[in-house]
Amino acid sequence: MMRGEIYRAELKPRSGSEQHGRRPVIVVSHDSFNKAPGWRSVIVVPLTTSSRARKGPTSVLLSAGPNGLSEDSFVLCHQITTLDRSKLTKKIGRVSMSEQARIDKGILAAVDLL
């Protein structure tokens, strides 16, 4: 499991406006964290195909294609979360370096580090 990889995940249980159900997520935790022996947590950001998500600097558009996504999707950088690795069910693909840079910028905006 590496930073920038896209996985299908089971986001249950969730509440309120949190993304839930089976959906793609992008691993954003540092690779040394991801490779730590016995560490079961991984930090991710969820994706959605809803066009309502296009508002604001914390939603990043990813076009379908070489990254493994079958539909254009929005990365919801303001919904960064930690999951147990068992919730990641299938690797879909990987974002490009330029896509990762845009996601990083969205995360920085979400936590007011810009």
N, C-alpha and C. Protein backbone atom coordinates (compact mmCIF):
# COMPACT_ATOMS: atom_id res chain seq x y z
N MET A 1 0.85 -1.17 0.00
CA MET A 1 0.00 0.00 0.00
C MET A 1 0.90 1.24 0.00
N MET A 2 0.65 2.14 -0.96
CA MET A 2 1.51 3.30 -1.13
C MET A 2 0.67 4.58 -1.25
N ARG A 3 1.29 5.67 -0.89
CA ARG A 3 0.67 6.99 -1.02
C ARG A 3 0.31 7.22 -2.49
N GLY A 4 -0.89 7.72 -2.75
CA GLY A 4 -1.33 7.99 -4.11
C GLY A 4 -2.10 6.85 -4.76
N GLU A 5 -2.14 5.69 -4.12
CA GLU A 5 -2.91 4.59 -4.69
C GLU A 5 -4.39 4.78 -4.40
N ILE A 6 -5.20 4.32 -5.34
CA ILE A 6 -6.65 4.42 -5.21
C ILE A 6 -7.19 3.02 -4.92
N TYR A 7 -8.01 2.93 -3.88
CA TYR A 7 -8.61 1.66 -3.48
C TYR A 7 -10.12 1.82 -3.39
N ARG A 8 -10.82 0.72 -3.58
CA ARG A 8 -12.24 0.66 -3.25
C ARG A 8 -12.29 0.39 -1.75
N ALA A 9 -13.15 1.11 -1.03
CA ALA A 9 -13.22 0.96 0.42
C ALA A 9 -14.66 0.86 0.89
N GLU A 10 -14.83 0.21 2.02
CA GLU A 10 -16.12 0.12 2.70
C GLU A 10 -16.14 1.19 3.78
N LEU A 11 -16.90 2.25 3.56
CA LEU A 11 -16.97 3.35 4.52
C LEU A 11 -18.26 3.22 5.34
N LYS A 12 -18.27 2.25 6.21
CA LYS A 12 -19.41 2.01 7.10
C LYS A 12 -18.83 1.70 8.47
N PRO A 13 -19.39 2.11 9.54
CA PRO A 13 -20.50 3.06 9.63
C PRO A 13 -19.98 4.49 9.49
N ARG A 14 -20.79 5.38 9.05
CA ARG A 14 -20.53 6.81 8.95
C ARG A 14 -21.80 7.53 9.36
N SER A 15 -21.71 8.83 9.51
CA SER A 15 -22.91 9.57 9.89
C SER A 15 -22.92 10.94 9.23
N GLY A 16 -24.09 11.58 9.28
CA GLY A 16 -24.22 12.94 8.76
C GLY A 16 -23.83 13.05 7.30
N SER A 17 -23.01 14.06 6.99
CA SER A 17 -22.62 14.32 5.59
C SER A 17 -21.34 13.60 5.19
N GLU A 18 -20.84 12.70 6.05
CA GLU A 18 -19.64 11.94 5.69
C GLU A 18 -19.95 11.00 4.53
N GLN A 19 -18.97 10.81 3.66
CA GLN A 19 -19.13 9.85 2.58
C GLN A 19 -19.25 8.46 3.19
N HIS A 20 -20.14 7.66 2.63
CA HIS A 20 -20.36 6.33 3.18
C HIS A 20 -20.59 5.32 2.06
N GLY A 21 -20.67 4.07 2.45
CA GLY A 21 -20.88 3.00 1.49
C GLY A 21 -19.58 2.57 0.84
N ARG A 22 -19.70 1.88 -0.28
CA ARG A 22 -18.52 1.42 -1.03
C ARG A 22 -18.15 2.48 -2.04
N ARG A 23 -16.91 2.98 -1.94
CA ARG A 23 -16.46 4.04 -2.84
C ARG A 23 -14.95 4.07 -2.90
N PRO A 24 -14.42 4.73 -3.93
CA PRO A 24 -12.96 4.87 -4.01
C PRO A 24 -12.43 5.84 -2.97
N VAL A 25 -11.21 5.55 -2.50
CA VAL A 25 -10.47 6.45 -1.62
C VAL A 25 -9.04 6.50 -2.13
N ILE A 26 -8.35 7.59 -1.79
CA ILE A 26 -6.93 7.72 -2.14
C ILE A 26 -6.12 7.70 -0.87
N VAL A 27 -5.09 6.87 -0.84
CA VAL A 27 -4.19 6.81 0.30
C VAL A 27 -3.33 8.08 0.31
N VAL A 28 -3.34 8.81 1.43
CA VAL A 28 -2.55 10.04 1.54
C VAL A 28 -1.53 9.98 2.67
N SER A 29 -1.56 8.92 3.46
CA SER A 29 -0.57 8.80 4.54
C SER A 29 0.82 8.53 3.95
N HIS A 30 1.83 8.91 4.70
CA HIS A 30 3.23 8.77 4.28
C HIS A 30 3.58 7.29 4.12
N ASP A 31 4.41 6.97 3.14
CA ASP A 31 4.75 5.57 2.88
C ASP A 31 5.42 4.89 4.07
N SER A 32 6.20 5.60 4.86
CA SER A 32 6.81 4.96 6.04
C SER A 32 5.73 4.57 7.04
N PHE A 33 4.68 5.36 7.14
CA PHE A 33 3.53 5.04 7.97
C PHE A 33 2.80 3.83 7.38
N ASN A 34 2.64 3.82 6.06
CA ASN A 34 1.92 2.74 5.39
C ASN A 34 2.64 1.40 5.48
N LYS A 35 3.97 1.43 5.61
CA LYS A 35 4.76 0.20 5.63
C LYS A 35 5.14 -0.25 7.04
N ALA A 36 4.73 0.47 8.06
CA ALA A 36 5.10 0.12 9.44
C ALA A 36 4.53 -1.25 9.80
N PRO A 37 5.40 -2.17 10.22
CA PRO A 37 4.94 -3.53 10.57
C PRO A 37 3.90 -3.49 11.69
N GLY A 38 2.81 -4.19 11.47
CA GLY A 38 1.77 -4.30 12.49
C GLY A 38 0.85 -3.10 12.59
N TRP A 39 1.11 -2.04 11.84
CA TRP A 39 0.25 -0.85 11.89
C TRP A 39 -0.93 -1.07 10.96
N ARG A 40 -2.12 -1.00 11.48
CA ARG A 40 -3.32 -1.33 10.71
C ARG A 40 -4.05 -0.12 10.13
N SER A 41 -3.66 1.08 10.52
CA SER A 41 -4.38 2.29 10.08
C SER A 41 -3.78 2.85 8.80
N VAL A 42 -4.62 3.51 8.03
CA VAL A 42 -4.18 4.20 6.83
C VAL A 42 -5.02 5.49 6.70
N ILE A 43 -4.38 6.57 6.28
CA ILE A 43 -5.09 7.84 6.13
C ILE A 43 -5.49 7.98 4.67
N VAL A 44 -6.76 8.30 4.44
CA VAL A 44 -7.31 8.36 3.09
C VAL A 44 -8.20 9.59 2.92
N VAL A 45 -8.49 9.92 1.67
CA VAL A 45 -9.54 10.89 1.34
C VAL A 45 -10.51 10.19 0.39
N PRO A 46 -11.81 10.37 0.63
CA PRO A 46 -12.81 9.71 -0.21
C PRO A 46 -13.07 10.47 -1.51
N LEU A 47 -13.61 9.76 -2.48
CA LEU A 47 -14.00 10.34 -3.76
C LEU A 47 -15.51 10.24 -3.92
N THR A 48 -16.05 11.13 -4.76
CA THR A 48 -17.46 11.08 -5.12
C THR A 48 -17.60 11.46 -6.59
N THR A 49 -18.67 11.01 -7.20
CA THR A 49 -18.96 11.42 -8.58
C THR A 49 -20.01 12.52 -8.62
N SER A 50 -20.51 12.92 -7.47
CA SER A 50 -21.55 13.95 -7.40
C SER A 50 -20.99 15.30 -7.83
N SER A 51 -21.69 15.95 -8.76
CA SER A 51 -21.25 17.26 -9.24
C SER A 51 -21.45 18.34 -8.17
N ARG A 52 -22.24 18.07 -7.14
CA ARG A 52 -22.40 19.03 -6.04
C ARG A 52 -21.09 19.23 -5.29
N ALA A 53 -20.16 18.30 -5.43
CA ALA A 53 -18.89 18.36 -4.71
C ALA A 53 -17.89 19.32 -5.33
N ARG A 54 -18.19 19.88 -6.48
CA ARG A 54 -17.21 20.72 -7.18
C ARG A 54 -16.97 22.07 -6.53
N LYS A 55 -17.69 22.39 -5.49
CA LYS A 55 -17.54 23.70 -4.83
C LYS A 55 -16.30 23.73 -3.95
N GLY A 56 -15.61 24.84 -3.95
CA GLY A 56 -14.56 25.10 -2.99
C GLY A 56 -13.20 24.54 -3.32
N PRO A 57 -12.18 25.05 -2.63
CA PRO A 57 -10.79 24.68 -2.90
C PRO A 57 -10.40 23.31 -2.33
N THR A 58 -11.31 22.67 -1.60
CA THR A 58 -10.95 21.38 -1.01
C THR A 58 -11.50 20.20 -1.80
N SER A 59 -12.14 20.46 -2.92
CA SER A 59 -12.60 19.40 -3.83
C SER A 59 -11.75 19.45 -5.09
N VAL A 60 -11.14 18.32 -5.40
CA VAL A 60 -10.21 18.25 -6.53
C VAL A 60 -10.78 17.29 -7.58
N LEU A 61 -10.94 17.79 -8.80
CA LEU A 61 -11.46 16.96 -9.89
C LEU A 61 -10.37 16.01 -10.39
N LEU A 62 -10.73 14.73 -10.50
CA LEU A 62 -9.87 13.73 -11.14
C LEU A 62 -10.64 13.18 -12.33
N SER A 63 -10.07 13.30 -13.50
CA SER A 63 -10.70 12.75 -14.70
C SER A 63 -10.49 11.25 -14.75
N ALA A 64 -11.47 10.54 -15.27
CA ALA A 64 -11.34 9.10 -15.47
C ALA A 64 -10.22 8.83 -16.45
N GLY A 65 -9.61 7.66 -16.32
CA GLY A 65 -8.56 7.30 -17.28
C GLY A 65 -7.44 6.49 -16.69
N PRO A 66 -6.20 6.89 -16.97
CA PRO A 66 -5.04 6.09 -16.58
C PRO A 66 -4.92 5.85 -15.07
N ASN A 67 -5.58 6.68 -14.27
CA ASN A 67 -5.53 6.50 -12.81
C ASN A 67 -6.40 5.34 -12.33
N GLY A 68 -7.16 4.73 -13.23
CA GLY A 68 -7.99 3.59 -12.87
C GLY A 68 -9.44 3.91 -12.62
N LEU A 69 -9.78 5.19 -12.58
CA LEU A 69 -11.17 5.58 -12.34
C LEU A 69 -11.99 5.42 -13.62
N SER A 70 -13.20 4.89 -13.49
CA SER A 70 -14.06 4.71 -14.65
C SER A 70 -14.95 5.93 -14.89
N GLU A 71 -15.06 6.83 -13.90
CA GLU A 71 -15.85 8.05 -14.03
C GLU A 71 -15.06 9.23 -13.48
N ASP A 72 -15.32 10.42 -14.02
CA ASP A 72 -14.75 11.62 -13.43
C ASP A 72 -15.23 11.68 -11.97
N SER A 73 -14.33 12.05 -11.08
CA SER A 73 -14.63 12.04 -9.65
C SER A 73 -14.03 13.25 -8.97
N PHE A 74 -14.56 13.57 -7.79
CA PHE A 74 -14.04 14.65 -6.98
C PHE A 74 -13.42 14.07 -5.72
N VAL A 75 -12.20 14.49 -5.42
CA VAL A 75 -11.53 14.11 -4.19
C VAL A 75 -12.00 15.08 -3.11
N LEU A 76 -12.55 14.57 -2.03
CA LEU A 76 -13.08 15.41 -0.96
C LEU A 76 -12.02 15.58 0.11
N CYS A 77 -11.09 16.51 -0.14
CA CYS A 77 -9.94 16.69 0.74
C CYS A 77 -10.33 17.14 2.14
N HIS A 78 -11.50 17.73 2.31
CA HIS A 78 -11.99 18.15 3.62
C HIS A 78 -12.54 16.98 4.43
N GLN A 79 -12.61 15.79 3.83
CA GLN A 79 -13.10 14.61 4.55
C GLN A 79 -11.99 13.60 4.79
N ILE A 80 -10.77 14.08 4.97
CA ILE A 80 -9.65 13.20 5.28
C ILE A 80 -10.00 12.37 6.52
N THR A 81 -9.67 11.07 6.47
CA THR A 81 -10.05 10.18 7.57
C THR A 81 -9.05 9.03 7.70
N THR A 82 -9.09 8.38 8.83
CA THR A 82 -8.25 7.21 9.07
C THR A 82 -9.14 5.98 9.08
N LEU A 83 -8.69 4.95 8.37
CA LEU A 83 -9.43 3.69 8.30
C LEU A 83 -8.53 2.53 8.69
N ASP A 84 -9.13 1.45 9.11
CA ASP A 84 -8.40 0.20 9.24
C ASP A 84 -8.18 -0.36 7.85
N ARG A 85 -7.00 -0.91 7.60
CA ARG A 85 -6.67 -1.43 6.26
C ARG A 85 -7.68 -2.46 5.75
N SER A 86 -8.33 -3.16 6.66
CA SER A 86 -9.29 -4.19 6.23
C SER A 86 -10.46 -3.59 5.47
N LYS A 87 -10.68 -2.28 5.60
CA LYS A 87 -11.78 -1.62 4.87
C LYS A 87 -11.42 -1.34 3.42
N LEU A 88 -10.14 -1.47 3.06
CA LEU A 88 -9.72 -1.29 1.66
C LEU A 88 -9.82 -2.64 0.98
N THR A 89 -10.73 -2.75 0.01
CA THR A 89 -11.04 -4.06 -0.54
C THR A 89 -10.36 -4.38 -1.86
N LYS A 90 -10.08 -3.37 -2.70
CA LYS A 90 -9.50 -3.65 -4.01
C LYS A 90 -8.74 -2.44 -4.50
N LYS A 91 -7.51 -2.66 -5.00
CA LYS A 91 -6.75 -1.57 -5.59
C LYS A 91 -7.31 -1.27 -6.98
N ILE A 92 -7.58 0.02 -7.23
CA ILE A 92 -8.14 0.46 -8.52
C ILE A 92 -7.05 1.01 -9.43
N GLY A 93 -6.14 1.79 -8.86
CA GLY A 93 -5.10 2.43 -9.66
C GLY A 93 -4.26 3.35 -8.83
N ARG A 94 -3.74 4.39 -9.47
CA ARG A 94 -2.83 5.32 -8.81
C ARG A 94 -2.98 6.69 -9.47
N VAL A 95 -2.90 7.75 -8.66
CA VAL A 95 -2.94 9.10 -9.22
C VAL A 95 -1.55 9.46 -9.74
N SER A 96 -1.51 10.38 -10.70
CA SER A 96 -0.24 10.86 -11.24
C SER A 96 0.40 11.84 -10.24
N MET A 97 1.63 12.20 -10.49
CA MET A 97 2.32 13.16 -9.62
C MET A 97 1.59 14.51 -9.62
N SER A 98 1.12 14.93 -10.79
CA SER A 98 0.41 16.22 -10.85
C SER A 98 -0.93 16.15 -10.13
N GLU A 99 -1.63 15.02 -10.23
CA GLU A 99 -2.89 14.84 -9.50
C GLU A 99 -2.62 14.85 -7.99
N GLN A 100 -1.54 14.16 -7.58
CA GLN A 100 -1.19 14.12 -6.16
C GLN A 100 -0.88 15.52 -5.64
N ALA A 101 -0.20 16.33 -6.43
CA ALA A 101 0.12 17.70 -6.02
C ALA A 101 -1.16 18.52 -5.81
N ARG A 102 -2.16 18.33 -6.68
CA ARG A 102 -3.43 19.05 -6.52
C ARG A 102 -4.18 18.58 -5.28
N ILE A 103 -4.12 17.27 -5.01
CA ILE A 103 -4.76 16.72 -3.82
C ILE A 103 -4.07 17.26 -2.56
N ASP A 104 -2.75 17.29 -2.58
CA ASP A 104 -1.99 17.83 -1.44
C ASP A 104 -2.39 19.27 -1.17
N LYS A 105 -2.55 20.07 -2.22
CA LYS A 105 -2.95 21.46 -2.07
C LYS A 105 -4.37 21.55 -1.46
N GLY A 106 -5.26 20.67 -1.89
CA GLY A 106 -6.62 20.64 -1.33
C GLY A 106 -6.62 20.27 0.15
N ILE A 107 -5.77 19.32 0.54
CA ILE A 107 -5.66 18.95 1.95
C ILE A 107 -5.11 20.11 2.76
N LEU A 108 -4.09 20.78 2.24
CA LEU A 108 -3.52 21.93 2.94
C LEU A 108 -4.56 23.04 3.13
N ALA A 109 -5.41 23.25 2.11
CA ALA A 109 -6.48 24.25 2.23
C ALA A 109 -7.50 23.81 3.29
N ALA A 110 -7.80 22.52 3.34
CA ALA A 110 -8.80 22.02 4.28
C ALA A 110 -8.36 22.18 5.73
N VAL A 111 -7.07 22.09 5.98
CA VAL A 111 -6.57 22.20 7.36
C VAL A 111 -5.90 23.55 7.61
N ASP A 112 -6.11 24.49 6.68
CA ASP A 112 -5.64 25.87 6.79
C ASP A 112 -4.12 25.97 6.96
N LEU A 113 -3.39 25.24 6.12
CA LEU A 113 -1.94 25.29 6.15
C LEU A 113 -1.35 25.96 4.92
N LEU A 114 -2.19 26.62 4.13
CA LEU A 114 -1.69 27.33 2.94
C LEU A 114 -1.17 28.69 3.29
